[in-house]
Amino acid sequence: MSTLNPSSGSIATSGLSGALKTFVQEASVLVQALLNPGKILQEVEQMRVLLVAANAAEATDPVRAAALRTRAARIGLN
């Protein structure tokens, strides 16, 4: 006899379904990155330029430096 009630079984199934969906999405992103390494390199270079600019602006304009770091952190997330 199972100690799980019917609602916990459905929660486990939806959790497994969500995990599988996330895994498929992540695998798709990985495959795209492997098939298009130039895009990854371009994004890394953009991030580096923004971070260098942020470091240069830190002493005189910390708000701008924070905004540049935020922009750098969001590259590639779309």
PDB file of N, CA and C in Angstrom:
ATOM      1  N   MET A   1       0.840  -1.176   0.000  1.00  0.00           N
ATOM      2  CA  MET A   1       0.000   0.000   0.000  1.00  0.00           C
ATOM      3  C   MET A   1       0.882   1.236   0.000  1.00  0.00           C
ATOM      4  N   SER A   2       0.544   2.187  -0.854  1.00  0.00           N
ATOM      5  CA  SER A   2       1.339   3.390  -0.992  1.00  0.00           C
ATOM      6  C   SER A   2       1.013   4.387   0.110  1.00  0.00           C
ATOM      7  N   THR A   3       2.032   5.057   0.592  1.00  0.00           N
ATOM      8  CA  THR A   3       1.801   6.098   1.593  1.00  0.00           C
ATOM      9  C   THR A   3       1.545   7.450   0.952  1.00  0.00           C
ATOM     10  N   LEU A   4       1.688   7.512  -0.359  1.00  0.00           N
ATOM     11  CA  LEU A   4       1.428   8.768  -1.065  1.00  0.00           C
ATOM     12  C   LEU A   4      -0.049   8.898  -1.367  1.00  0.00           C
ATOM     13  N   ASN A   5      -0.584  10.072  -1.135  1.00  0.00           N
ATOM     14  CA  ASN A   5      -1.968  10.295  -1.541  1.00  0.00           C
ATOM     15  C   ASN A   5      -1.975  10.730  -3.007  1.00  0.00           C
ATOM     16  N   PRO A   6      -3.088  10.704  -3.686  1.00  0.00           N
ATOM     17  CA  PRO A   6      -3.144  11.015  -5.119  1.00  0.00           C
ATOM     18  C   PRO A   6      -2.599  12.390  -5.470  1.00  0.00           C
ATOM     19  N   SER A   7      -2.805  13.388  -4.609  1.00  0.00           N
ATOM     20  CA  SER A   7      -2.322  14.729  -4.948  1.00  0.00           C
ATOM     21  C   SER A   7      -0.803  14.783  -4.945  1.00  0.00           C
ATOM     22  N   SER A   8      -0.117  14.048  -4.044  1.00  0.00           N
ATOM     23  CA  SER A   8       1.344  14.083  -4.082  1.00  0.00           C
ATOM     24  C   SER A   8       1.888  13.391  -5.310  1.00  0.00           C
ATOM     25  N   GLY A   9       1.180  12.410  -5.824  1.00  0.00           N
ATOM     26  CA  GLY A   9       1.612  11.774  -7.068  1.00  0.00           C
ATOM     27  C   GLY A   9       1.543  12.730  -8.239  1.00  0.00           C
ATOM     28  N   SER A  10       0.494  13.540  -8.298  1.00  0.00           N
ATOM     29  CA  SER A  10       0.379  14.499  -9.400  1.00  0.00           C
ATOM     30  C   SER A  10       1.406  15.611  -9.265  1.00  0.00           C
ATOM     31  N   ILE A  11       1.730  16.000  -8.052  1.00  0.00           N
ATOM     32  CA  ILE A  11       2.765  17.014  -7.835  1.00  0.00           C
ATOM     33  C   ILE A  11       4.114  16.470  -8.293  1.00  0.00           C
ATOM     34  N   ALA A  12       4.397  15.221  -7.965  1.00  0.00           N
ATOM     35  CA  ALA A  12       5.662  14.619  -8.390  1.00  0.00           C
ATOM     36  C   ALA A  12       5.741  14.524  -9.908  1.00  0.00           C
ATOM     37  N   THR A  13       4.629  14.186 -10.554  1.00  0.00           N
ATOM     38  CA  THR A  13       4.603  14.092 -12.010  1.00  0.00           C
ATOM     39  C   THR A  13       4.829  15.457 -12.645  1.00  0.00           C
ATOM     40  N   SER A  14       4.171  16.493 -12.120  1.00  0.00           N
ATOM     41  CA  SER A  14       4.354  17.828 -12.691  1.00  0.00           C
ATOM     42  C   SER A  14       5.767  18.327 -12.422  1.00  0.00           C
ATOM     43  N   GLY A  15       6.339  17.965 -11.290  1.00  0.00           N
ATOM     44  CA  GLY A  15       7.722  18.341 -10.991  1.00  0.00           C
ATOM     45  C   GLY A  15       8.685  17.684 -11.960  1.00  0.00           C
ATOM     46  N   LEU A  16       8.455  16.415 -12.255  1.00  0.00           N
ATOM     47  CA  LEU A  16       9.298  15.688 -13.208  1.00  0.00           C
ATOM     48  C   LEU A  16       9.141  16.284 -14.602  1.00  0.00           C
ATOM     49  N   SER A  17       7.918  16.617 -14.964  1.00  0.00           N
ATOM     50  CA  SER A  17       7.653  17.225 -16.268  1.00  0.00           C
ATOM     51  C   SER A  17       8.369  18.568 -16.391  1.00  0.00           C
ATOM     52  N   GLY A  18       8.306  19.380 -15.350  1.00  0.00           N
ATOM     53  CA  GLY A  18       8.988  20.678 -15.349  1.00  0.00           C
ATOM     54  C   GLY A  18      10.494  20.522 -15.439  1.00  0.00           C
ATOM     55  N   ALA A  19      11.028  19.545 -14.717  1.00  0.00           N
ATOM     56  CA  ALA A  19      12.468  19.300 -14.755  1.00  0.00           C
ATOM     57  C   ALA A  19      12.907  18.844 -16.139  1.00  0.00           C
ATOM     58  N   LEU A  20      12.100  17.988 -16.758  1.00  0.00           N
ATOM     59  CA  LEU A  20      12.426  17.509 -18.102  1.00  0.00           C
ATOM     60  C   LEU A  20      12.374  18.654 -19.106  1.00  0.00           C
ATOM     61  N   LYS A  21      11.378  19.511 -18.979  1.00  0.00           N
ATOM     62  CA  LYS A  21      11.262  20.670 -19.875  1.00  0.00           C
ATOM     63  C   LYS A  21      12.478  21.587 -19.725  1.00  0.00           C
ATOM     64  N   THR A  22      12.886  21.841 -18.501  1.00  0.00           N
ATOM     65  CA  THR A  22      14.062  22.674 -18.251  1.00  0.00           C
ATOM     66  C   THR A  22      15.308  22.029 -18.832  1.00  0.00           C
ATOM     67  N   PHE A  23      15.455  20.735 -18.669  1.00  0.00           N
ATOM     68  CA  PHE A  23      16.604  20.022 -19.212  1.00  0.00           C
ATOM     69  C   PHE A  23      16.662  20.158 -20.732  1.00  0.00           C
ATOM     70  N   VAL A  24      15.525  20.005 -21.391  1.00  0.00           N
ATOM     71  CA  VAL A  24      15.471  20.121 -22.855  1.00  0.00           C
ATOM     72  C   VAL A  24      15.841  21.540 -23.287  1.00  0.00           C
ATOM     73  N   GLN A  25      15.344  22.541 -22.581  1.00  0.00           N
ATOM     74  CA  GLN A  25      15.675  23.927 -22.916  1.00  0.00           C
ATOM     75  C   GLN A  25      17.170  24.185 -22.760  1.00  0.00           C
ATOM     76  N   GLU A  26      17.748  23.715 -21.669  1.00  0.00           N
ATOM     77  CA  GLU A  26      19.177  23.907 -21.432  1.00  0.00           C
ATOM     78  C   GLU A  26      20.017  23.176 -22.479  1.00  0.00           C
ATOM     79  N   ALA A  27      19.600  21.978 -22.842  1.00  0.00           N
ATOM     80  CA  ALA A  27      20.322  21.225 -23.873  1.00  0.00           C
ATOM     81  C   ALA A  27      20.257  21.953 -25.211  1.00  0.00           C
ATOM     82  N   SER A  28      19.118  22.550 -25.513  1.00  0.00           N
ATOM     83  CA  SER A  28      18.968  23.307 -26.749  1.00  0.00           C
ATOM     84  C   SER A  28      19.903  24.509 -26.780  1.00  0.00           C
ATOM     85  N   VAL A  29      20.000  25.226 -25.670  1.00  0.00           N
ATOM     86  CA  VAL A  29      20.901  26.378 -25.589  1.00  0.00           C
ATOM     87  C   VAL A  29      22.349  25.924 -25.759  1.00  0.00           C
ATOM     88  N   LEU A  30      22.703  24.817 -25.143  1.00  0.00           N
ATOM     89  CA  LEU A  30      24.065  24.289 -25.272  1.00  0.00           C
ATOM     90  C   LEU A  30      24.379  23.929 -26.714  1.00  0.00           C
ATOM     91  N   VAL A  31      23.472  23.265 -27.387  1.00  0.00           N
ATOM     92  CA  VAL A  31      23.685  22.885 -28.783  1.00  0.00           C
ATOM     93  C   VAL A  31      23.847  24.136 -29.645  1.00  0.00           C
ATOM     94  N   GLN A  32      23.007  25.138 -29.433  1.00  0.00           N
ATOM     95  CA  GLN A  32      23.122  26.384 -30.195  1.00  0.00           C
ATOM     96  C   GLN A  32      24.470  27.049 -29.956  1.00  0.00           C
ATOM     97  N   ALA A  33      24.952  27.030 -28.726  1.00  0.00           N
ATOM     98  CA  ALA A  33      26.250  27.626 -28.413  1.00  0.00           C
ATOM     99  C   ALA A  33      27.383  26.861 -29.102  1.00  0.00           C
ATOM    100  N   LEU A  34      27.275  25.551 -29.122  1.00  0.00           N
ATOM    101  CA  LEU A  34      28.315  24.747 -29.762  1.00  0.00           C
ATOM    102  C   LEU A  34      28.313  24.918 -31.279  1.00  0.00           C
ATOM    103  N   LEU A  35      27.137  25.139 -31.849  1.00  0.00           N
ATOM    104  CA  LEU A  35      27.039  25.312 -33.292  1.00  0.00           C
ATOM    105  C   LEU A  35      27.383  26.732 -33.741  1.00  0.00           C
ATOM    106  N   ASN A  36      27.415  27.678 -32.813  1.00  0.00           N
ATOM    107  CA  ASN A  36      27.657  29.067 -33.158  1.00  0.00           C
ATOM    108  C   ASN A  36      28.639  29.705 -32.170  1.00  0.00           C
ATOM    109  N   PRO A  37      29.902  29.243 -32.140  1.00  0.00           N
ATOM    110  CA  PRO A  37      30.851  29.765 -31.154  1.00  0.00           C
ATOM    111  C   PRO A  37      31.198  31.236 -31.377  1.00  0.00           C
ATOM    112  N   GLY A  38      31.089  31.728 -32.605  1.00  0.00           N
ATOM    113  CA  GLY A  38      31.386  33.130 -32.872  1.00  0.00           C
ATOM    114  C   GLY A  38      30.478  34.069 -32.103  1.00  0.00           C
ATOM    115  N   LYS A  39      29.217  33.687 -31.957  1.00  0.00           N
ATOM    116  CA  LYS A  39      28.266  34.511 -31.211  1.00  0.00           C
ATOM    117  C   LYS A  39      28.668  34.590 -29.740  1.00  0.00           C
ATOM    118  N   ILE A  40      29.077  33.473 -29.188  1.00  0.00           N
ATOM    119  CA  ILE A  40      29.501  33.443 -27.782  1.00  0.00           C
ATOM    120  C   ILE A  40      30.719  34.336 -27.587  1.00  0.00           C
ATOM    121  N   LEU A  41      31.684  34.233 -28.496  1.00  0.00           N
ATOM    122  CA  LEU A  41      32.891  35.056 -28.390  1.00  0.00           C
ATOM    123  C   LEU A  41      32.550  36.542 -28.502  1.00  0.00           C
ATOM    124  N   GLN A  42      31.634  36.886 -29.390  1.00  0.00           N
ATOM    125  CA  GLN A  42      31.209  38.272 -29.550  1.00  0.00           C
ATOM    126  C   GLN A  42      30.549  38.787 -28.265  1.00  0.00           C
ATOM    127  N   GLU A  43      29.704  37.974 -27.665  1.00  0.00           N
ATOM    128  CA  GLU A  43      29.041  38.378 -26.424  1.00  0.00           C
ATOM    129  C   GLU A  43      30.046  38.559 -25.290  1.00  0.00           C
ATOM    130  N   VAL A  44      31.025  37.682 -25.212  1.00  0.00           N
ATOM    131  CA  VAL A  44      32.052  37.798 -24.172  1.00  0.00           C
ATOM    132  C   VAL A  44      32.858  39.078 -24.379  1.00  0.00           C
ATOM    133  N   GLU A  45      33.176  39.393 -25.620  1.00  0.00           N
ATOM    134  CA  GLU A  45      33.921  40.619 -25.911  1.00  0.00           C
ATOM    135  C   GLU A  45      33.094  41.851 -25.533  1.00  0.00           C
ATOM    136  N   GLN A  46      31.797  41.843 -25.828  1.00  0.00           N
ATOM    137  CA  GLN A  46      30.930  42.962 -25.438  1.00  0.00           C
ATOM    138  C   GLN A  46      30.907  43.122 -23.918  1.00  0.00           C
ATOM    139  N   MET A  47      30.821  42.006 -23.224  1.00  0.00           N
ATOM    140  CA  MET A  47      30.817  42.051 -21.767  1.00  0.00           C
ATOM    141  C   MET A  47      32.129  42.614 -21.234  1.00  0.00           C
ATOM    142  N   ARG A  48      33.236  42.196 -21.822  1.00  0.00           N
ATOM    143  CA  ARG A  48      34.549  42.675 -21.381  1.00  0.00           C
ATOM    144  C   ARG A  48      34.667  44.184 -21.572  1.00  0.00           C
ATOM    145  N   VAL A  49      34.238  44.683 -22.729  1.00  0.00           N
ATOM    146  CA  VAL A  49      34.302  46.123 -23.005  1.00  0.00           C
ATOM    147  C   VAL A  49      33.475  46.892 -21.977  1.00  0.00           C
ATOM    148  N   LEU A  50      32.279  46.414 -21.686  1.00  0.00           N
ATOM    149  CA  LEU A  50      31.432  47.089 -20.699  1.00  0.00           C
ATOM    150  C   LEU A  50      32.047  47.056 -19.304  1.00  0.00           C
ATOM    151  N   LEU A  51      32.648  45.945 -18.943  1.00  0.00           N
ATOM    152  CA  LEU A  51      33.260  45.841 -17.612  1.00  0.00           C
ATOM    153  C   LEU A  51      34.502  46.719 -17.487  1.00  0.00           C
ATOM    154  N   VAL A  52      35.291  46.819 -18.561  1.00  0.00           N
ATOM    155  CA  VAL A  52      36.457  47.719 -18.543  1.00  0.00           C
ATOM    156  C   VAL A  52      35.978  49.160 -18.385  1.00  0.00           C
ATOM    157  N   ALA A  53      34.919  49.527 -19.115  1.00  0.00           N
ATOM    158  CA  ALA A  53      34.363  50.878 -18.996  1.00  0.00           C
ATOM    159  C   ALA A  53      33.820  51.119 -17.581  1.00  0.00           C
ATOM    160  N   ALA A  54      33.197  50.113 -17.008  1.00  0.00           N
ATOM    161  CA  ALA A  54      32.672  50.243 -15.646  1.00  0.00           C
ATOM    162  C   ALA A  54      33.797  50.441 -14.642  1.00  0.00           C
ATOM    163  N   ASN A  55      34.864  49.705 -14.798  1.00  0.00           N
ATOM    164  CA  ASN A  55      36.006  49.865 -13.888  1.00  0.00           C
ATOM    165  C   ASN A  55      36.620  51.250 -14.015  1.00  0.00           C
ATOM    166  N   ALA A  56      36.686  51.776 -15.237  1.00  0.00           N
ATOM    167  CA  ALA A  56      37.251  53.110 -15.447  1.00  0.00           C
ATOM    168  C   ALA A  56      36.340  54.187 -14.848  1.00  0.00           C
ATOM    169  N   ALA A  57      35.047  53.991 -14.869  1.00  0.00           N
ATOM    170  CA  ALA A  57      34.097  54.987 -14.380  1.00  0.00           C
ATOM    171  C   ALA A  57      33.830  54.879 -12.885  1.00  0.00           C
ATOM    172  N   GLU A  58      34.268  53.825 -12.261  1.00  0.00           N
ATOM    173  CA  GLU A  58      33.913  53.557 -10.857  1.00  0.00           C
ATOM    174  C   GLU A  58      34.249  54.722  -9.926  1.00  0.00           C
ATOM    175  N   ALA A  59      35.427  55.295 -10.051  1.00  0.00           N
ATOM    176  CA  ALA A  59      35.851  56.343  -9.118  1.00  0.00           C
ATOM    177  C   ALA A  59      35.065  57.637  -9.300  1.00  0.00           C
ATOM    178  N   THR A  60      34.752  57.992 -10.523  1.00  0.00           N
ATOM    179  CA  THR A  60      34.095  59.272 -10.779  1.00  0.00           C
ATOM    180  C   THR A  60      32.582  59.172 -10.883  1.00  0.00           C
ATOM    181  N   ASP A  61      32.068  58.033 -11.311  1.00  0.00           N
ATOM    182  CA  ASP A  61      30.625  57.903 -11.520  1.00  0.00           C
ATOM    183  C   ASP A  61      30.168  56.477 -11.182  1.00  0.00           C
ATOM    184  N   PRO A  62      30.028  56.181  -9.891  1.00  0.00           N
ATOM    185  CA  PRO A  62      29.660  54.823  -9.487  1.00  0.00           C
ATOM    186  C   PRO A  62      28.283  54.369  -9.995  1.00  0.00           C
ATOM    187  N   VAL A  63      27.362  55.303 -10.195  1.00  0.00           N
ATOM    188  CA  VAL A  63      26.035  54.937 -10.702  1.00  0.00           C
ATOM    189  C   VAL A  63      26.158  54.445 -12.138  1.00  0.00           C
ATOM    190  N   ARG A  64      26.931  55.153 -12.954  1.00  0.00           N
ATOM    191  CA  ARG A  64      27.151  54.735 -14.345  1.00  0.00           C
ATOM    192  C   ARG A  64      27.876  53.383 -14.379  1.00  0.00           C
ATOM    193  N   ALA A  65      28.859  53.220 -13.495  1.00  0.00           N
ATOM    194  CA  ALA A  65      29.598  51.958 -13.444  1.00  0.00           C
ATOM    195  C   ALA A  65      28.650  50.796 -13.123  1.00  0.00           C
ATOM    196  N   ALA A  66      27.737  51.012 -12.200  1.00  0.00           N
ATOM    197  CA  ALA A  66      26.771  49.963 -11.851  1.00  0.00           C
ATOM    198  C   ALA A  66      25.863  49.656 -13.036  1.00  0.00           C
ATOM    199  N   ALA A  67      25.452  50.696 -13.754  1.00  0.00           N
ATOM    200  CA  ALA A  67      24.587  50.488 -14.925  1.00  0.00           C
ATOM    201  C   ALA A  67      25.331  49.703 -16.007  1.00  0.00           C
ATOM    202  N   LEU A  68      26.605  50.005 -16.208  1.00  0.00           N
ATOM    203  CA  LEU A  68      27.399  49.271 -17.206  1.00  0.00           C
ATOM    204  C   LEU A  68      27.554  47.803 -16.808  1.00  0.00           C
ATOM    205  N   ARG A  69      27.763  47.559 -15.525  1.00  0.00           N
ATOM    206  CA  ARG A  69      27.883  46.168 -15.057  1.00  0.00           C
ATOM    207  C   ARG A  69      26.567  45.413 -15.234  1.00  0.00           C
ATOM    208  N   THR A  70      25.466  46.101 -14.998  1.00  0.00           N
ATOM    209  CA  THR A  70      24.154  45.480 -15.188  1.00  0.00           C
ATOM    210  C   THR A  70      23.951  45.116 -16.654  1.00  0.00           C
ATOM    211  N   ARG A  71      24.302  46.027 -17.557  1.00  0.00           N
ATOM    212  CA  ARG A  71      24.197  45.737 -18.996  1.00  0.00           C
ATOM    213  C   ARG A  71      25.075  44.549 -19.367  1.00  0.00           C
ATOM    214  N   ALA A  72      26.288  44.518 -18.818  1.00  0.00           N
ATOM    215  CA  ALA A  72      27.197  43.403 -19.132  1.00  0.00           C
ATOM    216  C   ALA A  72      26.630  42.076 -18.646  1.00  0.00           C
ATOM    217  N   ALA A  73      25.990  42.097 -17.498  1.00  0.00           N
ATOM    218  CA  ALA A  73      25.442  40.862 -16.929  1.00  0.00           C
ATOM    219  C   ALA A  73      24.263  40.326 -17.727  1.00  0.00           C
ATOM    220  N   ARG A  74      23.569  41.198 -18.454  1.00  0.00           N
ATOM    221  CA  ARG A  74      22.386  40.773 -19.198  1.00  0.00           C
ATOM    222  C   ARG A  74      22.673  40.346 -20.625  1.00  0.00           C
ATOM    223  N   ILE A  75      23.885  40.511 -21.080  1.00  0.00           N
ATOM    224  CA  ILE A  75      24.220  40.108 -22.453  1.00  0.00           C
ATOM    225  C   ILE A  75      24.068  38.593 -22.580  1.00  0.00           C
ATOM    226  N   GLY A  76      23.413  38.171 -23.620  1.00  0.00           N
ATOM    227  CA  GLY A  76      23.233  36.752 -23.877  1.00  0.00           C
ATOM    228  C   GLY A  76      22.033  36.117 -23.204  1.00  0.00           C
ATOM    229  N   LEU A  77      21.287  36.894 -22.444  1.00  0.00           N
ATOM    230  CA  LEU A  77      20.134  36.325 -21.740  1.00  0.00           C
ATOM    231  C   LEU A  77      18.858  36.326 -22.556  1.00  0.00           C
ATOM    232  N   ASN A  78      18.851  36.983 -23.680  1.00  0.00           N
ATOM    233  CA  ASN A  78      17.615  37.062 -24.457  1.00  0.00           C
ATOM    234  C   ASN A  78      17.451  35.898 -25.372  1.00  0.00           C
TER     235      ASN A  78
END
